[in-house]
Structure formats: structure tokens, C-alpha cells
Amino acid sequence: MSIKEKLANLSVWLRLAVLASAVWLIGSLAEIDPWAHVGLVDRHGAMGSLNNWDEFFMIGVLPVVALWGAIWVISGIKKKAR
């Protein structure tokens, strides 16, 4: 079975999960803006910068990975039950 055929056979719930994942990631990128640098001054008065990549991974990427991990586990449980 080709990839095109597999994609055509996706359930409505899987299609919604793919769409929700994409919207979540794009929305997180827009809201968090991980490329923006925030100026910092440490206790010695030295300037530094910090970006928001850690926040993006925690809020943007981690929920998507958790969602697809749960879908993968549930799919395995259903296959084993058959």
C-alpha cells in the first residue's frame, strides 16, 4: 500500500489530530516567538540574551508528542485486543 493510499484511508479522528497538531505548533510559534531574544543582565552586570526555545518545546512540542504517543499506545492496545 502506497503512502497516498494510507493517507486516503485515515479516519476522521486521525485527520483531526493531524490538523490539531499543525495548528497547535503554528500557534505556539506565533505566540511564543522562540526566535526573539530577551536582553538579560546577570548579577555581575554583564549583558546576555535568552530566547524562548525552551518554552516553545514545553508548551508547543511536548503536548504534540504526548498526543501522538497516546495515539500510538492506544493503537497498539487495540491491535493486541483483536
PDB file of N, CA and C in Angstrom:
ATOM      1  N   MET A   1       0.844  -1.171   0.000  1.00  0.00           N
ATOM      2  CA  MET A   1       0.000   0.000   0.000  1.00  0.00           C
ATOM      3  C   MET A   1       0.901   1.250   0.000  1.00  0.00           C
ATOM      4  N   SER A   2       0.617   2.181  -0.888  1.00  0.00           N
ATOM      5  CA  SER A   2       1.423   3.399  -1.004  1.00  0.00           C
ATOM      6  C   SER A   2       1.047   4.399   0.094  1.00  0.00           C
ATOM      7  N   ILE A   3       1.895   5.388   0.270  1.00  0.00           N
ATOM      8  CA  ILE A   3       1.639   6.423   1.269  1.00  0.00           C
ATOM      9  C   ILE A   3       0.362   7.181   0.934  1.00  0.00           C
ATOM     10  N   LYS A   4       0.148   7.431  -0.359  1.00  0.00           N
ATOM     11  CA  LYS A   4      -1.057   8.142  -0.785  1.00  0.00           C
ATOM     12  C   LYS A   4      -2.313   7.363  -0.397  1.00  0.00           C
ATOM     13  N   GLU A   5      -2.290   6.043  -0.573  1.00  0.00           N
ATOM     14  CA  GLU A   5      -3.433   5.215  -0.202  1.00  0.00           C
ATOM     15  C   GLU A   5      -3.636   5.187   1.312  1.00  0.00           C
ATOM     16  N   LYS A   6      -2.514   5.128   2.062  1.00  0.00           N
ATOM     17  CA  LYS A   6      -2.619   5.123   3.521  1.00  0.00           C
ATOM     18  C   LYS A   6      -3.223   6.428   4.027  1.00  0.00           C
ATOM     19  N   LEU A   7      -2.796   7.544   3.449  1.00  0.00           N
ATOM     20  CA  LEU A   7      -3.338   8.838   3.858  1.00  0.00           C
ATOM     21  C   LEU A   7      -4.815   8.955   3.509  1.00  0.00           C
ATOM     22  N   ALA A   8      -5.215   8.384   2.383  1.00  0.00           N
ATOM     23  CA  ALA A   8      -6.615   8.438   1.972  1.00  0.00           C
ATOM     24  C   ALA A   8      -7.504   7.611   2.910  1.00  0.00           C
ATOM     25  N   ASN A   9      -6.917   6.632   3.602  1.00  0.00           N
ATOM     26  CA  ASN A   9      -7.693   5.752   4.475  1.00  0.00           C
ATOM     27  C   ASN A   9      -7.677   6.179   5.946  1.00  0.00           C
ATOM     28  N   LEU A  10      -7.148   7.355   6.245  1.00  0.00           N
ATOM     29  CA  LEU A  10      -7.117   7.813   7.640  1.00  0.00           C
ATOM     30  C   LEU A  10      -8.534   8.099   8.138  1.00  0.00           C
ATOM     31  N   SER A  11      -8.751   7.782   9.407  1.00  0.00           N
ATOM     32  CA  SER A  11     -10.062   8.054   9.995  1.00  0.00           C
ATOM     33  C   SER A  11     -10.226   9.553  10.213  1.00  0.00           C
ATOM     34  N   VAL A  12     -11.456   9.945  10.457  1.00  0.00           N
ATOM     35  CA  VAL A  12     -11.753  11.348  10.732  1.00  0.00           C
ATOM     36  C   VAL A  12     -10.995  11.811  11.972  1.00  0.00           C
ATOM     37  N   TRP A  13     -10.905  10.972  12.995  1.00  0.00           N
ATOM     38  CA  TRP A  13     -10.237  11.344  14.244  1.00  0.00           C
ATOM     39  C   TRP A  13      -8.739  11.551  14.030  1.00  0.00           C
ATOM     40  N   LEU A  14      -8.123  10.701  13.217  1.00  0.00           N
ATOM     41  CA  LEU A  14      -6.700  10.888  12.930  1.00  0.00           C
ATOM     42  C   LEU A  14      -6.466  12.141  12.091  1.00  0.00           C
ATOM     43  N   ARG A  15      -7.349  12.418  11.172  1.00  0.00           N
ATOM     44  CA  ARG A  15      -7.219  13.651  10.384  1.00  0.00           C
ATOM     45  C   ARG A  15      -7.347  14.878  11.282  1.00  0.00           C
ATOM     46  N   LEU A  16      -8.287  14.834  12.227  1.00  0.00           N
ATOM     47  CA  LEU A  16      -8.440  15.934  13.182  1.00  0.00           C
ATOM     48  C   LEU A  16      -7.202  16.074  14.071  1.00  0.00           C
ATOM     49  N   ALA A  17      -6.614  14.963  14.464  1.00  0.00           N
ATOM     50  CA  ALA A  17      -5.409  15.003  15.297  1.00  0.00           C
ATOM     51  C   ALA A  17      -4.233  15.617  14.532  1.00  0.00           C
ATOM     52  N   VAL A  18      -4.100  15.276  13.260  1.00  0.00           N
ATOM     53  CA  VAL A  18      -3.043  15.865  12.431  1.00  0.00           C
ATOM     54  C   VAL A  18      -3.266  17.373  12.302  1.00  0.00           C
ATOM     55  N   LEU A  19      -4.492  17.765  12.015  1.00  0.00           N
ATOM     56  CA  LEU A  19      -4.808  19.186  11.872  1.00  0.00           C
ATOM     57  C   LEU A  19      -4.587  19.931  13.193  1.00  0.00           C
ATOM     58  N   ALA A  20      -5.047  19.355  14.293  1.00  0.00           N
ATOM     59  CA  ALA A  20      -4.870  19.989  15.603  1.00  0.00           C
ATOM     60  C   ALA A  20      -3.390  20.133  15.948  1.00  0.00           C
ATOM     61  N   SER A  21      -2.579  19.133  15.608  1.00  0.00           N
ATOM     62  CA  SER A  21      -1.141  19.200  15.864  1.00  0.00           C
ATOM     63  C   SER A  21      -0.499  20.336  15.087  1.00  0.00           C
ATOM     64  N   ALA A  22      -0.846  20.453  13.823  1.00  0.00           N
ATOM     65  CA  ALA A  22      -0.277  21.514  12.995  1.00  0.00           C
ATOM     66  C   ALA A  22      -0.701  22.891  13.490  1.00  0.00           C
ATOM     67  N   VAL A  23      -1.974  23.044  13.808  1.00  0.00           N
ATOM     68  CA  VAL A  23      -2.476  24.334  14.305  1.00  0.00           C
ATOM     69  C   VAL A  23      -1.811  24.675  15.640  1.00  0.00           C
ATOM     70  N   TRP A  24      -1.666  23.688  16.518  1.00  0.00           N
ATOM     71  CA  TRP A  24      -1.038  23.918  17.820  1.00  0.00           C
ATOM     72  C   TRP A  24       0.413  24.380  17.656  1.00  0.00           C
ATOM     73  N   LEU A  25       1.164  23.688  16.797  1.00  0.00           N
ATOM     74  CA  LEU A  25       2.568  24.051  16.600  1.00  0.00           C
ATOM     75  C   LEU A  25       2.711  25.442  15.978  1.00  0.00           C
ATOM     76  N   ILE A  26       1.911  25.733  14.971  1.00  0.00           N
ATOM     77  CA  ILE A  26       1.990  27.046  14.317  1.00  0.00           C
ATOM     78  C   ILE A  26       1.544  28.140  15.283  1.00  0.00           C
ATOM     79  N   GLY A  27       0.474  27.893  16.027  1.00  0.00           N
ATOM     80  CA  GLY A  27       0.019  28.867  17.013  1.00  0.00           C
ATOM     81  C   GLY A  27       1.052  29.093  18.111  1.00  0.00           C
ATOM     82  N   SER A  28       1.707  28.025  18.544  1.00  0.00           N
ATOM     83  CA  SER A  28       2.754  28.156  19.562  1.00  0.00           C
ATOM     84  C   SER A  28       3.931  28.961  19.038  1.00  0.00           C
ATOM     85  N   LEU A  29       4.306  28.721  17.790  1.00  0.00           N
ATOM     86  CA  LEU A  29       5.387  29.506  17.190  1.00  0.00           C
ATOM     87  C   LEU A  29       5.025  30.981  17.144  1.00  0.00           C
ATOM     88  N   ALA A  30       3.794  31.272  16.763  1.00  0.00           N
ATOM     89  CA  ALA A  30       3.365  32.667  16.654  1.00  0.00           C
ATOM     90  C   ALA A  30       3.273  33.339  18.025  1.00  0.00           C
ATOM     91  N   GLU A  31       2.761  32.623  19.009  1.00  0.00           N
ATOM     92  CA  GLU A  31       2.561  33.205  20.334  1.00  0.00           C
ATOM     93  C   GLU A  31       3.863  33.331  21.127  1.00  0.00           C
ATOM     94  N   ILE A  32       4.666  32.294  21.103  1.00  0.00           N
ATOM     95  CA  ILE A  32       5.881  32.268  21.924  1.00  0.00           C
ATOM     96  C   ILE A  32       7.040  32.982  21.254  1.00  0.00           C
ATOM     97  N   ASP A  33       7.101  32.931  19.917  1.00  0.00           N
ATOM     98  CA  ASP A  33       8.179  33.562  19.144  1.00  0.00           C
ATOM     99  C   ASP A  33       9.555  33.160  19.679  1.00  0.00           C
ATOM    100  N   PRO A  34       9.945  31.890  19.469  1.00  0.00           N
ATOM    101  CA  PRO A  34      11.201  31.412  20.045  1.00  0.00           C
ATOM    102  C   PRO A  34      12.453  32.081  19.467  1.00  0.00           C
ATOM    103  N   TRP A  35      12.326  32.807  18.372  1.00  0.00           N
ATOM    104  CA  TRP A  35      13.481  33.470  17.778  1.00  0.00           C
ATOM    105  C   TRP A  35      13.783  34.812  18.434  1.00  0.00           C
ATOM    106  N   ALA A  36      12.835  35.343  19.187  1.00  0.00           N
ATOM    107  CA  ALA A  36      13.032  36.645  19.822  1.00  0.00           C
ATOM    108  C   ALA A  36      14.054  36.517  20.950  1.00  0.00           C
ATOM    109  N   HIS A  37      14.923  37.481  21.051  1.00  0.00           N
ATOM    110  CA  HIS A  37      15.929  37.495  22.111  1.00  0.00           C
ATOM    111  C   HIS A  37      15.539  38.517  23.173  1.00  0.00           C
ATOM    112  N   VAL A  38      15.688  38.106  24.409  1.00  0.00           N
ATOM    113  CA  VAL A  38      15.395  38.977  25.538  1.00  0.00           C
ATOM    114  C   VAL A  38      16.730  39.319  26.189  1.00  0.00           C
ATOM    115  N   GLY A  39      16.993  40.598  26.363  1.00  0.00           N
ATOM    116  CA  GLY A  39      18.243  41.009  26.994  1.00  0.00           C
ATOM    117  C   GLY A  39      18.235  40.707  28.479  1.00  0.00           C
ATOM    118  N   LEU A  40      19.339  40.207  28.970  1.00  0.00           N
ATOM    119  CA  LEU A  40      19.470  39.877  30.378  1.00  0.00           C
ATOM    120  C   LEU A  40      20.708  40.545  30.953  1.00  0.00           C
ATOM    121  N   VAL A  41      20.633  40.881  32.208  1.00  0.00           N
ATOM    122  CA  VAL A  41      21.803  41.390  32.925  1.00  0.00           C
ATOM    123  C   VAL A  41      22.011  40.453  34.105  1.00  0.00           C
ATOM    124  N   ASP A  42      23.202  39.826  34.173  1.00  0.00           N
ATOM    125  CA  ASP A  42      23.458  38.922  35.291  1.00  0.00           C
ATOM    126  C   ASP A  42      23.892  39.706  36.527  1.00  0.00           C
ATOM    127  N   ARG A  43      24.154  39.007  37.596  1.00  0.00           N
ATOM    128  CA  ARG A  43      24.462  39.679  38.864  1.00  0.00           C
ATOM    129  C   ARG A  43      25.769  40.465  38.824  1.00  0.00           C
ATOM    130  N   HIS A  44      26.609  40.224  37.804  1.00  0.00           N
ATOM    131  CA  HIS A  44      27.859  40.957  37.658  1.00  0.00           C
ATOM    132  C   HIS A  44      27.713  42.137  36.703  1.00  0.00           C
ATOM    133  N   GLY A  45      26.507  42.344  36.183  1.00  0.00           N
ATOM    134  CA  GLY A  45      26.262  43.457  35.283  1.00  0.00           C
ATOM    135  C   GLY A  45      26.555  43.157  33.827  1.00  0.00           C
ATOM    136  N   ALA A  46      26.888  41.893  33.506  1.00  0.00           N
ATOM    137  CA  ALA A  46      27.186  41.521  32.122  1.00  0.00           C
ATOM    138  C   ALA A  46      25.882  41.312  31.357  1.00  0.00           C
ATOM    139  N   MET A  47      25.870  41.754  30.111  1.00  0.00           N
ATOM    140  CA  MET A  47      24.682  41.579  29.260  1.00  0.00           C
ATOM    141  C   MET A  47      24.732  40.210  28.593  1.00  0.00           C
ATOM    142  N   GLY A  48      23.596  39.632  28.465  1.00  0.00           N
ATOM    143  CA  GLY A  48      23.456  38.363  27.770  1.00  0.00           C
ATOM    144  C   GLY A  48      22.117  38.355  27.063  1.00  0.00           C
ATOM    145  N   SER A  49      21.785  37.265  26.432  1.00  0.00           N
ATOM    146  CA  SER A  49      20.476  37.167  25.798  1.00  0.00           C
ATOM    147  C   SER A  49      19.915  35.773  26.010  1.00  0.00           C
ATOM    148  N   LEU A  50      18.629  35.712  25.960  1.00  0.00           N
ATOM    149  CA  LEU A  50      17.911  34.462  26.154  1.00  0.00           C
ATOM    150  C   LEU A  50      16.793  34.423  25.125  1.00  0.00           C
ATOM    151  N   ASN A  51      16.593  33.270  24.531  1.00  0.00           N
ATOM    152  CA  ASN A  51      15.442  33.147  23.631  1.00  0.00           C
ATOM    153  C   ASN A  51      14.424  32.209  24.269  1.00  0.00           C
ATOM    154  N   ASN A  52      13.335  31.974  23.579  1.00  0.00           N
ATOM    155  CA  ASN A  52      12.204  31.236  24.146  1.00  0.00           C
ATOM    156  C   ASN A  52      12.083  29.808  23.625  1.00  0.00           C
ATOM    157  N   TRP A  53      13.175  29.206  23.176  1.00  0.00           N
ATOM    158  CA  TRP A  53      13.079  27.854  22.628  1.00  0.00           C
ATOM    159  C   TRP A  53      12.644  26.842  23.677  1.00  0.00           C
ATOM    160  N   ASP A  54      13.129  26.982  24.905  1.00  0.00           N
ATOM    161  CA  ASP A  54      12.727  26.036  25.939  1.00  0.00           C
ATOM    162  C   ASP A  54      11.226  26.120  26.208  1.00  0.00           C
ATOM    163  N   GLU A  55      10.693  27.320  26.226  1.00  0.00           N
ATOM    164  CA  GLU A  55       9.251  27.499  26.419  1.00  0.00           C
ATOM    165  C   GLU A  55       8.466  26.912  25.244  1.00  0.00           C
ATOM    166  N   PHE A  56       8.965  27.110  24.029  1.00  0.00           N
ATOM    167  CA  PHE A  56       8.292  26.545  22.852  1.00  0.00           C
ATOM    168  C   PHE A  56       8.259  25.024  22.916  1.00  0.00           C
ATOM    169  N   PHE A  57       9.369  24.400  23.307  1.00  0.00           N
ATOM    170  CA  PHE A  57       9.377  22.944  23.381  1.00  0.00           C
ATOM    171  C   PHE A  57       8.447  22.423  24.472  1.00  0.00           C
ATOM    172  N   MET A  58       8.364  23.129  25.595  1.00  0.00           N
ATOM    173  CA  MET A  58       7.500  22.678  26.682  1.00  0.00           C
ATOM    174  C   MET A  58       6.018  22.891  26.362  1.00  0.00           C
ATOM    175  N   ILE A  59       5.682  24.024  25.759  1.00  0.00           N
ATOM    176  CA  ILE A  59       4.282  24.362  25.503  1.00  0.00           C
ATOM    177  C   ILE A  59       3.832  23.948  24.101  1.00  0.00           C
ATOM    178  N   GLY A  60       4.736  24.015  23.137  1.00  0.00           N
ATOM    179  CA  GLY A  60       4.362  23.737  21.757  1.00  0.00           C
ATOM    180  C   GLY A  60       4.602  22.304  21.316  1.00  0.00           C
ATOM    181  N   VAL A  61       5.786  21.772  21.609  1.00  0.00           N
ATOM    182  CA  VAL A  61       6.158  20.462  21.079  1.00  0.00           C
ATOM    183  C   VAL A  61       5.725  19.319  22.005  1.00  0.00           C
ATOM    184  N   LEU A  62       5.951  19.469  23.297  1.00  0.00           N
ATOM    185  CA  LEU A  62       5.654  18.386  24.235  1.00  0.00           C
ATOM    186  C   LEU A  62       4.201  17.906  24.189  1.00  0.00           C
ATOM    187  N   PRO A  63       3.207  18.794  24.138  1.00  0.00           N
ATOM    188  CA  PRO A  63       1.823  18.299  24.037  1.00  0.00           C
ATOM    189  C   PRO A  63       1.556  17.510  22.744  1.00  0.00           C
ATOM    190  N   VAL A  64       2.189  17.919  21.652  1.00  0.00           N
ATOM    191  CA  VAL A  64       2.000  17.196  20.384  1.00  0.00           C
ATOM    192  C   VAL A  64       2.632  15.808  20.473  1.00  0.00           C
ATOM    193  N   VAL A  65       3.824  15.732  21.052  1.00  0.00           N
ATOM    194  CA  VAL A  65       4.482  14.432  21.228  1.00  0.00           C
ATOM    195  C   VAL A  65       3.645  13.544  22.154  1.00  0.00           C
ATOM    196  N   ALA A  66       3.106  14.126  23.220  1.00  0.00           N
ATOM    197  CA  ALA A  66       2.262  13.355  24.140  1.00  0.00           C
ATOM    198  C   ALA A  66       0.997  12.854  23.449  1.00  0.00           C
ATOM    199  N   LEU A  67       0.379  13.703  22.630  1.00  0.00           N
ATOM    200  CA  LEU A  67      -0.827  13.295  21.891  1.00  0.00           C
ATOM    201  C   LEU A  67      -0.531  12.114  20.972  1.00  0.00           C
ATOM    202  N   TRP A  68       0.531  12.234  20.164  1.00  0.00           N
ATOM    203  CA  TRP A  68       0.836  11.165  19.223  1.00  0.00           C
ATOM    204  C   TRP A  68       1.361   9.917  19.924  1.00  0.00           C
ATOM    205  N   GLY A  69       2.009  10.093  21.057  1.00  0.00           N
ATOM    206  CA  GLY A  69       2.413   8.936  21.853  1.00  0.00           C
ATOM    207  C   GLY A  69       1.203   8.185  22.386  1.00  0.00           C
ATOM    208  N   ALA A  70       0.209   8.926  22.856  1.00  0.00           N
ATOM    209  CA  ALA A  70      -1.018   8.298  23.347  1.00  0.00           C
ATOM    210  C   ALA A  70      -1.761   7.585  22.217  1.00  0.00           C
ATOM    211  N   ILE A  71      -1.825   8.210  21.053  1.00  0.00           N
ATOM    212  CA  ILE A  71      -2.480   7.575  19.896  1.00  0.00           C
ATOM    213  C   ILE A  71      -1.761   6.288  19.524  1.00  0.00           C
ATOM    214  N   TRP A  72      -0.436   6.309  19.568  1.00  0.00           N
ATOM    215  CA  TRP A  72       0.363   5.130  19.232  1.00  0.00           C
ATOM    216  C   TRP A  72       0.110   4.000  20.230  1.00  0.00           C
ATOM    217  N   VAL A  73       0.081   4.324  21.533  1.00  0.00           N
ATOM    218  CA  VAL A  73      -0.149   3.311  22.559  1.00  0.00           C
ATOM    219  C   VAL A  73      -1.560   2.742  22.438  1.00  0.00           C
ATOM    220  N   ILE A  74      -2.556   3.601  22.272  1.00  0.00           N
ATOM    221  CA  ILE A  74      -3.942   3.134  22.140  1.00  0.00           C
ATOM    222  C   ILE A  74      -4.103   2.252  20.908  1.00  0.00           C
ATOM    223  N   SER A  75      -3.443   2.641  19.804  1.00  0.00           N
ATOM    224  CA  SER A  75      -3.492   1.819  18.594  1.00  0.00           C
ATOM    225  C   SER A  75      -2.895   0.438  18.830  1.00  0.00           C
ATOM    226  N   GLY A  76      -1.796   0.373  19.568  1.00  0.00           N
ATOM    227  CA  GLY A  76      -1.177  -0.909  19.886  1.00  0.00           C
ATOM    228  C   GLY A  76      -2.065  -1.772  20.765  1.00  0.00           C
ATOM    229  N   ILE A  77      -2.739  -1.148  21.733  1.00  0.00           N
ATOM    230  CA  ILE A  77      -3.645  -1.887  22.607  1.00  0.00           C
ATOM    231  C   ILE A  77      -4.820  -2.450  21.798  1.00  0.00           C
ATOM    232  N   LYS A  78      -5.355  -1.646  20.874  1.00  0.00           N
ATOM    233  CA  LYS A  78      -6.471  -2.115  20.054  1.00  0.00           C
ATOM    234  C   LYS A  78      -6.052  -3.269  19.151  1.00  0.00           C
ATOM    235  N   LYS A  79      -4.844  -3.197  18.578  1.00  0.00           N
ATOM    236  CA  LYS A  79      -4.371  -4.276  17.712  1.00  0.00           C
ATOM    237  C   LYS A  79      -4.172  -5.563  18.500  1.00  0.00           C
ATOM    238  N   LYS A  80      -3.650  -5.436  19.732  1.00  0.00           N
ATOM    239  CA  LYS A  80      -3.415  -6.615  20.554  1.00  0.00           C
ATOM    240  C   LYS A  80      -4.734  -7.254  20.979  1.00  0.00           C
ATOM    241  N   ALA A  81      -5.774  -6.449  21.183  1.00  0.00           N
ATOM    242  CA  ALA A  81      -7.084  -6.959  21.609  1.00  0.00           C
ATOM    243  C   ALA A  81      -7.782  -7.733  20.490  1.00  0.00           C
ATOM    244  N   ARG A  82      -7.432  -7.436  19.253  1.00  0.00           N
ATOM    245  CA  ARG A  82      -8.106  -8.117  18.123  1.00  0.00           C
ATOM    246  C   ARG A  82      -7.683  -9.516  17.994  1.00  0.00           C
TER     247      ARG A  82
END
